Every structure is written in C-alpha cells, then in structure tokens.
C-alpha atoms as a PDB file:
ATOM      1  CA  MET A   1      49.022 126.244-207.023  1.00  0.00           C
ATOM      2  CA  THR A   2      51.333 129.039-208.715  1.00  0.00           C
ATOM      3  CA  ALA A   3      52.459 130.903-205.961  1.00  0.00           C
ATOM      4  CA  ALA A   4      51.422 134.980-206.005  1.00  0.00           C
ATOM      5  CA  PRO A   5      54.160 137.103-207.930  1.00  0.00           C
ATOM      6  CA  HIS A   6      55.877 139.294-205.432  1.00  0.00           C
ATOM      7  CA  ARG A   7      54.451 142.943-205.350  1.00  0.00           C
ATOM      8  CA  PRO A   8      57.247 145.684-204.909  1.00  0.00           C
ATOM      9  CA  ARG A   9      57.032 147.519-201.773  1.00  0.00           C
ATOM     10  CA  LEU A  10      57.387 151.660-201.614  1.00  0.00           C
ATOM     11  CA  LEU A  11      57.978 153.199-198.575  1.00  0.00           C
ATOM     12  CA  VAL A  12      56.997 156.738-197.492  1.00  0.00           C
ATOM     13  CA  LEU A  13      58.680 157.811-194.134  1.00  0.00           C
ATOM     14  CA  ARG A  14      56.369 160.393-192.647  1.00  0.00           C
ATOM     15  CA  ALA A  15      56.911 159.803-188.641  1.00  0.00           C
ATOM     16  CA  LEU A  16      55.022 162.980-187.444  1.00  0.00           C
ATOM     17  CA  GLY A  17      51.822 163.461-185.556  1.00  0.00           C
ATOM     18  CA  LEU A  18      48.147 163.272-186.581  1.00  0.00           C
ATOM     19  CA  GLY A  19      47.934 166.899-188.204  1.00  0.00           C
ATOM     20  CA  ASP A  20      51.037 166.141-190.329  1.00  0.00           C
ATOM     21  CA  LEU A  21      49.497 162.551-191.294  1.00  0.00           C
ATOM     22  CA  LEU A  22      46.289 164.470-192.152  1.00  0.00           C
ATOM     23  CA  THR A  23      48.246 167.277-194.085  1.00  0.00           C
ATOM     24  CA  GLY A  24      50.302 164.566-195.921  1.00  0.00           C
ATOM     25  CA  VAL A  25      47.264 162.856-197.291  1.00  0.00           C
ATOM     26  CA  PRO A  26      47.339 164.656-200.285  1.00  0.00           C
ATOM     27  CA  ALA A  27      50.645 163.810-201.690  1.00  0.00           C
ATOM     28  CA  LEU A  28      49.811 160.123-199.675  1.00  0.00           C
ATOM     29  CA  ARG A  29      47.184 159.298-202.347  1.00  0.00           C
ATOM     30  CA  GLY A  30      48.769 161.239-205.390  1.00  0.00           C
ATOM     31  CA  ILE A  31      51.524 158.608-204.558  1.00  0.00           C
ATOM     32  CA  ARG A  32      49.123 156.042-204.613  1.00  0.00           C
ATOM     33  CA  ARG A  33      47.518 156.383-207.730  1.00  0.00           C
ATOM     34  CA  ALA A  34      51.079 156.828-209.638  1.00  0.00           C
ATOM     35  CA  PHE A  35      52.373 153.341-208.627  1.00  0.00           C
ATOM     36  CA  PRO A  36      49.057 151.253-208.032  1.00  0.00           C
ATOM     37  CA  GLY A  37      51.442 148.027-208.431  1.00  0.00           C
ATOM     38  CA  ARG A  38      53.503 148.373-205.270  1.00  0.00           C
ATOM     39  CA  ARG A  39      52.282 148.130-202.062  1.00  0.00           C
ATOM     40  CA  LEU A  40      52.743 151.208-200.442  1.00  0.00           C
ATOM     41  CA  VAL A  41      54.275 151.249-196.817  1.00  0.00           C
ATOM     42  CA  LEU A  42      54.088 154.039-194.465  1.00  0.00           C
ATOM     43  CA  ALA A  43      56.455 154.640-191.759  1.00  0.00           C
ATOM     44  CA  LEU A  44      54.984 156.757-188.600  1.00  0.00           C
ATOM     45  CA  PRO A  45      54.460 156.080-185.359  1.00  0.00           C
ATOM     46  CA  ALA A  46      52.514 153.249-184.110  1.00  0.00           C
ATOM     47  CA  THR A  47      49.302 154.724-182.277  1.00  0.00           C
ATOM     48  CA  LEU A  48      48.745 156.805-185.645  1.00  0.00           C
ATOM     49  CA  GLY A  49      48.356 153.364-187.798  1.00  0.00           C
ATOM     50  CA  GLU A  50      44.766 153.263-187.366  1.00  0.00           C
ATOM     51  CA  ALA A  51      44.691 156.888-188.808  1.00  0.00           C
ATOM     52  CA  ALA A  52      46.579 156.453-191.998  1.00  0.00           C
ATOM     53  CA  LEU A  53      44.760 153.522-192.865  1.00  0.00           C
ATOM     54  CA  ALA A  54      41.965 154.950-192.781  1.00  0.00           C
ATOM     55  CA  THR A  55      43.392 157.391-195.878  1.00  0.00           C
ATOM     56  CA  ALA A  56      42.588 153.972-197.966  1.00  0.00           C
ATOM     57  CA  ALA A  57      46.072 155.318-199.614  1.00  0.00           C
ATOM     58  CA  VAL A  58      48.305 152.800-197.170  1.00  0.00           C
ATOM     59  CA  ASP A  59      48.585 148.843-197.529  1.00  0.00           C
ATOM     60  CA  GLU A  60      51.024 148.630-194.712  1.00  0.00           C
ATOM     61  CA  ILE A  61      52.499 150.472-191.360  1.00  0.00           C
ATOM     62  CA  LEU A  62      56.356 150.309-190.335  1.00  0.00           C
ATOM     63  CA  PRO A  63      55.953 151.932-186.527  1.00  0.00           C
ATOM     64  CA  ALA A  64      58.930 154.133-186.663  1.00  0.00           C
ATOM     65  CA  GLU A  65      58.931 156.851-184.133  1.00  0.00           C
ATOM     66  CA  ALA A  66      61.446 159.194-182.377  1.00  0.00           C
ATOM     67  CA  PRO A  67      61.447 161.984-179.487  1.00  0.00           C
ATOM     68  CA  ASN A  68      60.952 165.453-180.802  1.00  0.00           C
ATOM     69  CA  ARG A  69      60.080 164.961-183.708  1.00  0.00           C
ATOM     70  CA  GLY A  70      63.309 163.749-184.814  1.00  0.00           C
ATOM     71  CA  VAL A  71      64.289 160.886-187.560  1.00  0.00           C
ATOM     72  CA  PRO A  72      63.333 157.201-186.304  1.00  0.00           C
ATOM     73  CA  SER A  73      65.380 154.480-187.291  1.00  0.00           C
ATOM     74  CA  LEU A  74      64.145 152.286-189.736  1.00  0.00           C
ATOM     75  CA  ASP A  75      66.552 149.154-189.020  1.00  0.00           C
ATOM     76  CA  HIS A  76      63.171 146.885-188.185  1.00  0.00           C
ATOM     77  CA  TRP A  77      62.583 146.898-192.132  1.00  0.00           C
ATOM     78  CA  ARG A  78      61.965 143.467-193.261  1.00  0.00           C
ATOM     79  CA  GLY A  79      63.018 142.010-196.593  1.00  0.00           C
ATOM     80  CA  PRO A  80      64.063 143.127-200.161  1.00  0.00           C
ATOM     81  CA  PRO A  81      64.777 146.796-200.329  1.00  0.00           C
ATOM     82  CA  PRO A  82      62.428 149.086-200.967  1.00  0.00           C
ATOM     83  CA  ASP A  83      61.711 149.276-205.025  1.00  0.00           C
ATOM     84  CA  LEU A  84      61.267 152.927-204.056  1.00  0.00           C
ATOM     85  CA  ALA A  85      61.893 155.081-200.841  1.00  0.00           C
ATOM     86  CA  ILE A  86      59.970 158.870-200.536  1.00  0.00           C
ATOM     87  CA  ASP A  87      60.755 160.959-197.793  1.00  0.00           C
ATOM     88  CA  LEU A  88      57.457 162.947-196.837  1.00  0.00           C
ATOM     89  CA  HIS A  89      58.780 163.511-193.073  1.00  0.00           C
ATOM     90  CA  GLY A  90      61.220 166.689-193.911  1.00  0.00           C
ATOM     91  CA  ASN A  91      63.860 168.671-195.862  1.00  0.00           C
ATOM     92  CA  GLY A  92      67.396 167.663-194.240  1.00  0.00           C
ATOM     93  CA  PRO A  93      70.280 164.901-194.325  1.00  0.00           C
ATOM     94  CA  GLU A  94      68.838 163.083-191.850  1.00  0.00           C
ATOM     95  CA  SER A  95      65.376 161.438-192.794  1.00  0.00           C
ATOM     96  CA  ARG A  96      66.993 160.868-196.681  1.00  0.00           C
ATOM     97  CA  ASP A  97      69.871 159.177-194.853  1.00  0.00           C
ATOM     98  CA  ALA A  98      67.478 156.957-192.496  1.00  0.00           C
ATOM     99  CA  LEU A  99      66.003 155.941-195.794  1.00  0.00           C
ATOM    100  CA  ALA A 100      69.135 155.536-197.727  1.00  0.00           C
ATOM    101  CA  ALA A 101      70.325 153.387-195.305  1.00  0.00           C
ATOM    102  CA  LEU A 102      67.994 150.521-196.699  1.00  0.00           C
ATOM    103  CA  SER A 103      69.442 150.951-199.914  1.00  0.00           C
ATOM    104  CA  PRO A 104      66.229 151.730-202.120  1.00  0.00           C
ATOM    105  CA  ALA A 105      66.094 151.205-205.874  1.00  0.00           C
ATOM    106  CA  ARG A 106      65.015 154.982-206.129  1.00  0.00           C
ATOM    107  CA  LEU A 107      64.882 157.678-203.352  1.00  0.00           C
ATOM    108  CA  LEU A 108      62.474 160.903-203.896  1.00  0.00           C
ATOM    109  CA  ALA A 109      64.042 163.332-200.946  1.00  0.00           C
ATOM    110  CA  TYR A 110      64.570 167.357-201.277  1.00  0.00           C
ATOM    111  CA  ALA A 111      68.075 166.652-199.657  1.00  0.00           C
ATOM    112  CA  HIS A 112      68.962 164.224-202.481  1.00  0.00           C
ATOM    113  CA  ALA A 113      69.917 165.157-205.972  1.00  0.00           C
ATOM    114  CA  ASP A 114      68.124 163.019-208.546  1.00  0.00           C
ATOM    115  CA  PRO A 115      69.995 163.287-211.625  1.00  0.00           C
ATOM    116  CA  ALA A 116      66.832 162.012-213.364  1.00  0.00           C
ATOM    117  CA  VAL A 117      65.596 165.383-212.763  1.00  0.00           C
ATOM    118  CA  ALA A 118      66.264 168.635-214.917  1.00  0.00           C
ATOM    119  CA  ARG A 119      64.628 171.110-212.223  1.00  0.00           C
ATOM    120  CA  PRO A 120      64.411 169.185-209.048  1.00  0.00           C
ATOM    121  CA  PRO A 121      62.279 170.577-206.094  1.00  0.00           C
ATOM    122  CA  VAL A 122      63.347 173.429-203.718  1.00  0.00           C
ATOM    123  CA  TRP A 123      62.141 173.811-200.265  1.00  0.00           C
ATOM    124  CA  ARG A 124      60.109 177.192-199.691  1.00  0.00           C
ATOM    125  CA  LYS A 125      59.620 178.403-196.222  1.00  0.00           C
ATOM    126  CA  ASP A 126      56.358 180.216-197.555  1.00  0.00           C
ATOM    127  CA  GLU A 127      55.032 177.416-198.937  1.00  0.00           C
ATOM    128  CA  HIS A 128      51.742 175.743-196.921  1.00  0.00           C
ATOM    129  CA  GLU A 129      52.875 172.167-195.955  1.00  0.00           C
ATOM    130  CA  ARG A 130      50.052 170.195-198.338  1.00  0.00           C
ATOM    131  CA  GLU A 131      50.992 172.154-201.296  1.00  0.00           C
ATOM    132  CA  ARG A 132      54.511 171.835-200.380  1.00  0.00           C
ATOM    133  CA  TRP A 133      54.389 167.878-200.581  1.00  0.00           C
ATOM    134  CA  CYS A 134      52.354 167.699-203.981  1.00  0.00           C
ATOM    135  CA  GLY A 135      54.389 170.458-205.301  1.00  0.00           C
ATOM    136  CA  PHE A 136      57.689 168.141-204.480  1.00  0.00           C
ATOM    137  CA  LEU A 137      56.294 164.927-206.168  1.00  0.00           C
ATOM    138  CA  ALA A 138      55.282 167.620-208.947  1.00  0.00           C
ATOM    139  CA  ALA A 139      58.715 167.888-209.509  1.00  0.00           C
ATOM    140  CA  TYR A 140      59.255 163.832-210.176  1.00  0.00           C
ATOM    141  CA  GLY A 141      56.026 163.655-212.424  1.00  0.00           C
ATOM    142  CA  ILE A 142      53.638 162.420-209.866  1.00  0.00           C
ATOM    143  CA  THR A 143      50.591 164.316-209.580  1.00  0.00           C
ATOM    144  CA  ALA A 144      48.834 165.351-206.351  1.00  0.00           C
ATOM    145  CA  ASP A 145      45.681 167.681-205.715  1.00  0.00           C
ATOM    146  CA  PRO A 146      46.186 169.749-202.630  1.00  0.00           C
ATOM    147  CA  SER A 147      42.564 169.411-202.188  1.00  0.00           C
ATOM    148  CA  ASP A 148      42.382 165.702-201.767  1.00  0.00           C
ATOM    149  CA  LEU A 149      41.661 166.034-197.983  1.00  0.00           C
ATOM    150  CA  ARG A 150      38.299 164.186-197.234  1.00  0.00           C
ATOM    151  CA  LEU A 151      38.456 160.985-195.198  1.00  0.00           C
ATOM    152  CA  PRO A 152      35.480 158.417-195.070  1.00  0.00           C
ATOM    153  CA  PRO A 153      32.836 158.480-193.078  1.00  0.00           C
ATOM    154  CA  PRO A 154      33.151 156.671-189.668  1.00  0.00           C
ATOM    155  CA  GLU A 155      31.607 153.042-189.301  1.00  0.00           C
ATOM    156  CA  VAL A 156      31.274 153.423-185.484  1.00  0.00           C
ATOM    157  CA  PRO A 157      28.734 155.810-183.624  1.00  0.00           C
ATOM    158  CA  SER A 158      29.920 158.746-182.540  1.00  0.00           C
ATOM    159  CA  PRO A 159      29.910 159.518-178.222  1.00  0.00           C
ATOM    160  CA  ALA A 160      28.707 162.737-178.666  1.00  0.00           C
ATOM    161  CA  PRO A 161      26.641 163.691-181.694  1.00  0.00           C
ATOM    162  CA  GLY A 162      26.161 167.193-182.596  1.00  0.00           C
ATOM    163  CA  ALA A 163      27.971 168.800-179.917  1.00  0.00           C
ATOM    164  CA  VAL A 164      30.429 171.353-179.762  1.00  0.00           C
ATOM    165  CA  VAL A 165      33.852 169.866-179.675  1.00  0.00           C
ATOM    166  CA  VAL A 166      35.850 171.852-177.171  1.00  0.00           C
ATOM    167  CA  HIS A 167      39.257 170.834-177.338  1.00  0.00           C
ATOM    168  CA  PRO A 168      42.063 172.618-175.076  1.00  0.00           C
ATOM    169  CA  GLY A 169      45.216 170.576-175.671  1.00  0.00           C
ATOM    170  CA  ALA A 170      48.334 171.064-178.149  1.00  0.00           C
ATOM    171  CA  GLU A 171      51.381 169.258-178.263  1.00  0.00           C
ATOM    172  CA  SER A 172      53.328 171.606-176.793  1.00  0.00           C
ATOM    173  CA  VAL A 173      52.653 174.714-174.418  1.00  0.00           C
ATOM    174  CA  SER A 174      53.366 177.323-176.985  1.00  0.00           C
ATOM    175  CA  ARG A 175      49.671 176.638-178.897  1.00  0.00           C
ATOM    176  CA  ARG A 176      47.491 176.038-175.998  1.00  0.00           C
ATOM    177  CA  TRP A 177      44.672 178.849-175.661  1.00  0.00           C
ATOM    178  CA  PRO A 178      45.369 179.095-171.675  1.00  0.00           C
ATOM    179  CA  ALA A 179      42.191 176.762-169.607  1.00  0.00           C
ATOM    180  CA  GLU A 180      40.480 179.456-168.097  1.00  0.00           C
ATOM    181  CA  ARG A 181      39.437 180.880-171.445  1.00  0.00           C
ATOM    182  CA  PHE A 182      38.708 177.419-173.046  1.00  0.00           C
ATOM    183  CA  ALA A 183      36.319 177.454-169.785  1.00  0.00           C
ATOM    184  CA  ALA A 184      34.652 180.523-170.229  1.00  0.00           C
ATOM    185  CA  LEU A 185      34.415 179.856-174.499  1.00  0.00           C
ATOM    186  CA  VAL A 186      32.029 176.627-172.819  1.00  0.00           C
ATOM    187  CA  ARG A 187      30.047 178.598-170.087  1.00  0.00           C
ATOM    188  CA  ARG A 188      29.114 180.971-173.001  1.00  0.00           C
ATOM    189  CA  LEU A 189      27.696 178.100-175.851  1.00  0.00           C
ATOM    190  CA  ARG A 190      25.815 176.123-172.915  1.00  0.00           C
ATOM    191  CA  ALA A 191      24.134 179.811-171.678  1.00  0.00           C
ATOM    192  CA  VAL A 192      22.679 179.838-175.254  1.00  0.00           C
ATOM    193  CA  GLY A 193      21.675 176.309-175.601  1.00  0.00           C
ATOM    194  CA  HIS A 194      24.198 174.634-177.272  1.00  0.00           C
ATOM    195  CA  ARG A 195      25.780 170.854-176.369  1.00  0.00           C
ATOM    196  CA  VAL A 196      29.346 171.160-175.407  1.00  0.00           C
ATOM    197  CA  VAL A 197      31.823 168.086-174.858  1.00  0.00           C
ATOM    198  CA  VAL A 198      35.427 168.898-173.705  1.00  0.00           C
ATOM    199  CA  SER A 199      38.054 166.486-175.478  1.00  0.00           C
ATOM    200  CA  GLY A 200      41.719 165.730-174.714  1.00  0.00           C
ATOM    201  CA  GLY A 201      44.252 163.568-176.011  1.00  0.00           C
ATOM    202  CA  PRO A 202      45.942 160.743-173.710  1.00  0.00           C
ATOM    203  CA  ARG A 203      48.026 162.755-171.051  1.00  0.00           C
ATOM    204  CA  GLU A 204      45.867 165.480-170.702  1.00  0.00           C
ATOM    205  CA  ASP A 205      43.399 164.269-168.617  1.00  0.00           C
ATOM    206  CA  ALA A 206      44.299 167.084-166.003  1.00  0.00           C
ATOM    207  CA  LEU A 207      43.679 169.936-168.625  1.00  0.00           C
ATOM    208  CA  VAL A 208      40.466 168.236-169.883  1.00  0.00           C
ATOM    209  CA  LEU A 209      39.418 167.917-166.386  1.00  0.00           C
ATOM    210  CA  ALA A 210      40.613 171.544-165.167  1.00  0.00           C
ATOM    211  CA  VAL A 211      38.281 173.096-168.153  1.00  0.00           C
ATOM    212  CA  ALA A 212      35.325 171.169-167.531  1.00  0.00           C
ATOM    213  CA  ALA A 213      35.485 171.595-163.576  1.00  0.00           C
ATOM    214  CA  ARG A 214      35.927 175.790-164.554  1.00  0.00           C
ATOM    215  CA  ALA A 215      32.964 175.805-166.732  1.00  0.00           C
ATOM    216  CA  GLY A 216      30.561 173.452-164.729  1.00  0.00           C
ATOM    217  CA  LEU A 217      30.624 170.843-167.585  1.00  0.00           C
ATOM    218  CA  PRO A 218      29.131 167.341-166.098  1.00  0.00           C
ATOM    219  CA  PRO A 219      30.953 164.052-166.151  1.00  0.00           C
ATOM    220  CA  ARG A 220      29.110 162.832-168.968  1.00  0.00           C
ATOM    221  CA  GLU A 221      30.121 165.802-170.997  1.00  0.00           C
ATOM    222  CA  VAL A 222      33.939 164.854-170.572  1.00  0.00           C
ATOM    223  CA  LEU A 223      35.845 162.824-172.546  1.00  0.00           C
ATOM    224  CA  ARG A 224      39.008 161.700-171.020  1.00  0.00           C
ATOM    225  CA  GLY A 225      42.148 159.265-171.592  1.00  0.00           C
ATOM    226  CA  GLY A 226      42.193 159.823-175.574  1.00  0.00           C
ATOM    227  CA  LEU A 227      39.785 158.291-177.304  1.00  0.00           C
ATOM    228  CA  PRO A 228      40.779 155.558-179.879  1.00  0.00           C
ATOM    229  CA  PHE A 229      41.535 156.987-183.264  1.00  0.00           C
ATOM    230  CA  ALA A 230      37.722 155.440-185.012  1.00  0.00           C
ATOM    231  CA  GLU A 231      35.672 156.693-181.841  1.00  0.00           C
ATOM    232  CA  LEU A 232      37.789 160.134-182.218  1.00  0.00           C
ATOM    233  CA  SER A 233      36.766 160.319-185.744  1.00  0.00           C
ATOM    234  CA  ALA A 234      33.379 159.375-184.917  1.00  0.00           C
ATOM    235  CA  LEU A 235      32.972 162.492-182.736  1.00  0.00           C
ATOM    236  CA  VAL A 236      34.417 164.968-184.862  1.00  0.00           C
ATOM    237  CA  ALA A 237      32.805 163.969-188.379  1.00  0.00           C
ATOM    238  CA  ARG A 238      29.273 164.169-186.270  1.00  0.00           C
ATOM    239  CA  ALA A 239      29.871 167.249-184.351  1.00  0.00           C
ATOM    240  CA  ALA A 240      28.343 170.782-184.765  1.00  0.00           C
ATOM    241  CA  LEU A 241      31.622 172.658-184.403  1.00  0.00           C
ATOM    242  CA  VAL A 242      35.095 171.877-183.195  1.00  0.00           C
ATOM    243  CA  VAL A 243      36.876 174.580-181.403  1.00  0.00           C
ATOM    244  CA  SER A 244      40.845 174.148-180.803  1.00  0.00           C
ATOM    245  CA  GLY A 245      44.264 175.197-180.925  1.00  0.00           C
ATOM    246  CA  ASP A 246      46.694 174.611-183.954  1.00  0.00           C
ATOM    247  CA  THR A 247      46.502 170.738-183.538  1.00  0.00           C
ATOM    248  CA  GLY A 248      45.280 167.378-185.374  1.00  0.00           C
ATOM    249  CA  LEU A 249      41.902 167.997-184.165  1.00  0.00           C
ATOM    250  CA  ALA A 250      42.066 170.738-186.501  1.00  0.00           C
ATOM    251  CA  HIS A 251      43.251 168.512-188.624  1.00  0.00           C
ATOM    252  CA  LEU A 252      40.738 166.090-188.359  1.00  0.00           C
ATOM    253  CA  SER A 253      37.729 168.713-188.711  1.00  0.00           C
ATOM    254  CA  VAL A 254      38.907 169.454-192.142  1.00  0.00           C
ATOM    255  CA  ALA A 255      39.279 165.970-193.104  1.00  0.00           C
ATOM    256  CA  HIS A 256      35.228 165.468-192.375  1.00  0.00           C
ATOM    257  CA  ALA A 257      34.203 168.969-193.717  1.00  0.00           C
ATOM    258  CA  THR A 258      32.990 169.525-189.867  1.00  0.00           C
ATOM    259  CA  PRO A 259      33.097 173.657-189.306  1.00  0.00           C
ATOM    260  CA  SER A 260      35.779 174.439-186.834  1.00  0.00           C
ATOM    261  CA  VAL A 261      37.370 177.431-185.257  1.00  0.00           C
ATOM    262  CA  THR A 262      40.774 177.192-184.897  1.00  0.00           C
ATOM    263  CA  LEU A 263      42.995 179.325-182.733  1.00  0.00           C
ATOM    264  CA  PHE A 264      46.976 180.106-184.128  1.00  0.00           C
ATOM    265  CA  GLY A 265      49.806 181.735-182.371  1.00  0.00           C
ATOM    266  CA  PRO A 266      53.497 180.589-183.301  1.00  0.00           C
ATOM    267  CA  VAL A 267      52.471 179.541-186.863  1.00  0.00           C
ATOM    268  CA  SER A 268      50.295 181.191-189.146  1.00  0.00           C
ATOM    269  CA  PRO A 269      47.491 179.279-190.938  1.00  0.00           C
ATOM    270  CA  LEU A 270      48.537 180.442-194.319  1.00  0.00           C
ATOM    271  CA  LEU A 271      51.213 177.913-193.464  1.00  0.00           C
ATOM    272  CA  TRP A 272      49.103 174.806-191.769  1.00  0.00           C
ATOM    273  CA  GLY A 273      45.606 176.321-191.702  1.00  0.00           C
ATOM    274  CA  PRO A 274      42.188 174.731-193.119  1.00  0.00           C
ATOM    275  CA  PRO A 275      41.925 175.311-196.797  1.00  0.00           C
ATOM    276  CA  ARG A 276      39.444 178.211-198.002  1.00  0.00           C
ATOM    277  CA  SER A 277      35.456 177.741-196.942  1.00  0.00           C
ATOM    278  CA  ARG A 278      33.040 179.449-195.457  1.00  0.00           C
ATOM    279  CA  HIS A 279      32.551 176.597-192.853  1.00  0.00           C
ATOM    280  CA  HIS A 280      36.422 176.966-191.167  1.00  0.00           C
ATOM    281  CA  ILE A 281      37.395 180.019-189.281  1.00  0.00           C
ATOM    282  CA  ALA A 282      41.502 180.271-188.232  1.00  0.00           C
ATOM    283  CA  LEU A 283      41.744 182.939-185.946  1.00  0.00           C
ATOM    284  CA  TRP A 284      45.418 184.855-185.838  1.00  0.00           C
ATOM    285  CA  LYS A 285      47.063 187.508-184.595  1.00  0.00           C
ATOM    286  CA  PRO A 286      50.054 188.470-187.550  1.00  0.00           C
ATOM    287  CA  GLY A 287      53.373 189.098-186.053  1.00  0.00           C
ATOM    288  CA  PRO A 288      56.771 187.317-186.343  1.00  0.00           C
ATOM    289  CA  PRO A 289      56.723 183.696-186.405  1.00  0.00           C
ATOM    290  CA  GLY A 290      57.410 182.078-182.902  1.00  0.00           C
ATOM    291  CA  ASP A 291      58.025 178.220-181.973  1.00  0.00           C
ATOM    292  CA  PRO A 292      55.515 176.113-182.479  1.00  0.00           C
ATOM    293  CA  HIS A 293      57.008 173.605-180.031  1.00  0.00           C
ATOM    294  CA  GLY A 294      58.102 176.001-177.065  1.00  0.00           C
ATOM    295  CA  ASP A 295      56.974 175.239-173.522  1.00  0.00           C
ATOM    296  CA  MET A 296      55.188 178.763-173.295  1.00  0.00           C
ATOM    297  CA  PRO A 297      52.195 180.158-174.444  1.00  0.00           C
ATOM    298  CA  ASP A 298      52.483 181.934-177.867  1.00  0.00           C
ATOM    299  CA  PRO A 299      52.321 185.725-176.836  1.00  0.00           C
ATOM    300  CA  GLN A 300      50.089 186.027-180.196  1.00  0.00           C
ATOM    301  CA  LEU A 301      48.062 183.309-179.125  1.00  0.00           C
ATOM    302  CA  LEU A 302      47.435 185.008-176.015  1.00  0.00           C
ATOM    303  CA  ARG A 303      46.138 188.152-177.875  1.00  0.00           C
ATOM    304  CA  ILE A 304      43.009 186.196-179.018  1.00  0.00           C
ATOM    305  CA  ASP A 305      40.008 186.489-176.673  1.00  0.00           C
ATOM    306  CA  VAL A 306      36.844 185.175-175.639  1.00  0.00           C
ATOM    307  CA  ASP A 307      34.728 187.481-177.348  1.00  0.00           C
ATOM    308  CA  GLU A 308      36.659 187.055-180.564  1.00  0.00           C
ATOM    309  CA  VAL A 309      36.285 183.090-180.319  1.00  0.00           C
ATOM    310  CA  THR A 310      32.776 182.904-179.220  1.00  0.00           C
ATOM    311  CA  ALA A 311      31.956 185.004-181.970  1.00  0.00           C
ATOM    312  CA  ALA A 312      33.172 182.907-184.493  1.00  0.00           C
ATOM    313  CA  ALA A 313      31.713 179.819-182.991  1.00  0.00           C
ATOM    314  CA  LEU A 314      28.263 181.397-182.963  1.00  0.00           C
ATOM    315  CA  VAL A 315      28.945 182.370-186.580  1.00  0.00           C
ATOM    316  CA  LEU A 316      29.903 179.034-187.449  1.00  0.00           C
ATOM    317  CA  LEU A 317      26.608 177.720-185.570  1.00  0.00           C
ATOM    318  CA  ARG A 318      24.135 179.683-187.111  1.00  0.00           C
ATOM    319  CA  PRO A 319      21.284 177.526-188.849  1.00  0.00           C
ATOM    320  CA  GLY A 320      20.764 177.781-192.722  1.00  0.00           C
ATOM    321  CA  PRO A 321      22.804 178.468-195.579  1.00  0.00           C
ATOM    322  CA  SER A 322      23.626 181.757-194.571  1.00  0.00           C
ATOM    323  CA  SER A 323      26.195 180.159-191.845  1.00  0.00           C
ATOM    324  CA  GLY A 324      29.578 180.883-192.252  1.00  0.00           C
ATOM    325  CA  PRO A 325      32.295 184.447-191.704  1.00  0.00           C
ATOM    326  CA  PRO A 326      31.282 186.828-193.864  1.00  0.00           C
ATOM    327  CA  GLY A 327      34.151 187.210-196.908  1.00  0.00           C
ATOM    328  CA  LYS A 328      34.446 187.400-200.366  1.00  0.00           C
ATOM    329  CA  GLY A 329      33.312 184.371-202.959  1.00  0.00           C
ATOM    330  CA  ASP A 330      33.675 181.168-200.834  1.00  0.00           C
ATOM    331  CA  GLY A 331      34.673 182.547-197.275  1.00  0.00           C
ATOM    332  CA  ALA A 332      36.815 184.505-195.793  1.00  0.00           C
ATOM    333  CA  ARG A 333      39.279 181.591-194.523  1.00  0.00           C
ATOM    334  CA  VAL A 334      41.624 183.530-192.088  1.00  0.00           C
ATOM    335  CA  ARG A 335      40.600 186.097-189.294  1.00  0.00           C
ATOM    336  CA  SER A 336      43.130 188.333-188.148  1.00  0.00           C
ATOM    337  CA  VAL A 337      41.795 189.453-185.312  1.00  0.00           C
END
C-alpha cells in the first residue's frame, strides 16, 4: 500500500482568550480557504481547543499559553518546520520571533518585512480587531470577510433553553460591572416574567454566587464552575438574551446570532464590539481609553447604570419583528449612554 503523501503544515499563532479566538475566526477561515492543501495548526491555550475546532477552520491544536497575554514558547513543535507561519497574536517582535524560531519556509507578521509584498500591512490603533486581521491578510493576497463570524449550532442540549443569560465575570477587574448592579438587573428581569440564569467561568464561583444571592436566584438557575465549551456554546446559542461585560461570552453571542447587551468601559466597542445589527446593543460612555487589563473597575464602565441596562435588555426581549434597538437602517450597534 502506498503511504499517503505528506500534507504540509501551516502554523497560526493566536494564543489569547476566547474573545480573541472568536474575533479571529474570519481571518482563520480566510487562511483555510487560501491554503486548502495545508494542515492548519493553531497555537492557543489548550482550554480553547474545543472552541477552535468548532470554527471548522482548524485541523489541529498546538497548546500554547503565557501569563498576562504574553507570547508563549513554541519549542514543543514537532516534525518538519511549518511550510507557512502566520502571526495573528500581535504586532511586536516577540510573537514574530516565536514563529521565526521554528524556521518556517515563509513567515507573515506585522513585524516581519516580507520582500515579496510591495505594500506591507500597517498596524492601526483605531481599527476594529476583526477588520485588522482581515486587512493584514489582504496585504498578502489572502481574502477574508470580517462578517464571517457564525459558528454552527451546537449538537448538545442547552442547560437553560430560552433563558436570559447574565454573565458578570470578565478576565480583568476593569471590565467587570459591579455584582450588586448585575443582581439588580436579574431581579428586574425576573419581576417581569423572564427566566434568568447566572453563569461564570471556572474561577468565578464566588462572583456568580454573590450575584445569585443578592438577586434571590434559586440554585437551579446558577451555573457554577465554568461549563465545558460545548455546553456553554449551547447555552448561548439557545438563550433569549445574553447580558455581559466585554468578554468572551459577548463574542460567542455574536457567533450564534443570539441577542446581546454588552457593557463596555476601558475599550471602545468601535474596536471590539459586535457588528452592526439590531440584535446587539453595546452600551458605552465615550471617554479616554482605559486599561482593559486593570485591577480596578473602569470609571466609564461604572457610569452605566442599572436603568440603562434594563431598558436595553427589555428592548431586545420584546417579542415580534420590531424587537431591536431603535436606529437607522439595520439598527443602532453602539449606544453611547
């Protein structure tokens, strides 16, 4: 029997969080289409492996992670050097060098001057994350559509179908709206007849329980411990609404076209927010940018009050074709409240 021919491997580095993975889906799918004969390997944290494979753009995971969103070592790569390496991690020399250490046949990176490209990509601070990476690839002749975000429906059942999902957690304190305000929101939504569940990540049990206790939620409506990705994806995909801060669950809502209200503070939704749609409301108080990884709640985030979030949630929960925030055309994507 003749052995199967070797399939060259393409390595992409984006070793960040769930939101970063989901905003990178359009770029990953563009790469997948441009190089159908290569095996696409994505370097990212092992905990996101299931989510990465669910995009249908990735063939294999290379577990890679560093503290504080740093650049991980890729020394555990095995086999021949990558046929192509693509840096979707950042614009600095650190991520470029991590890939260059593997001696790929070709390297695409913001920090790498490719002599074959007449007009190399330029990093712009005011560019939305989805469009940034699609534009980066376009400089190399790779077409990617920033709106190509959707994930397929999960095969597993939801733990709370039709519920409003309130997710108070976030990776950093600066992006966490106060627990007492989330609890007040939960009480108001339950008072008008909506089923509400509170969810959190693997290390957010204390926060989830604090919100649930203040809101008077029964234990069956409290999702502790961090759900496995398939179950989390099903929860979001079959929810009536998701309310959260600027975190991975907000991006998962977009991926499943689930209505969402997202609270922004240190970072503008013009850079990380949902696409323009009447099904998504991004609440934001304009002002100078803050630290998205800070250890104090962002002052602009704290200016958003419970009345504003409740009003936005009830607009999206309103039944019928008119549901959606008022605005021109397809709806108002960002509400500067």
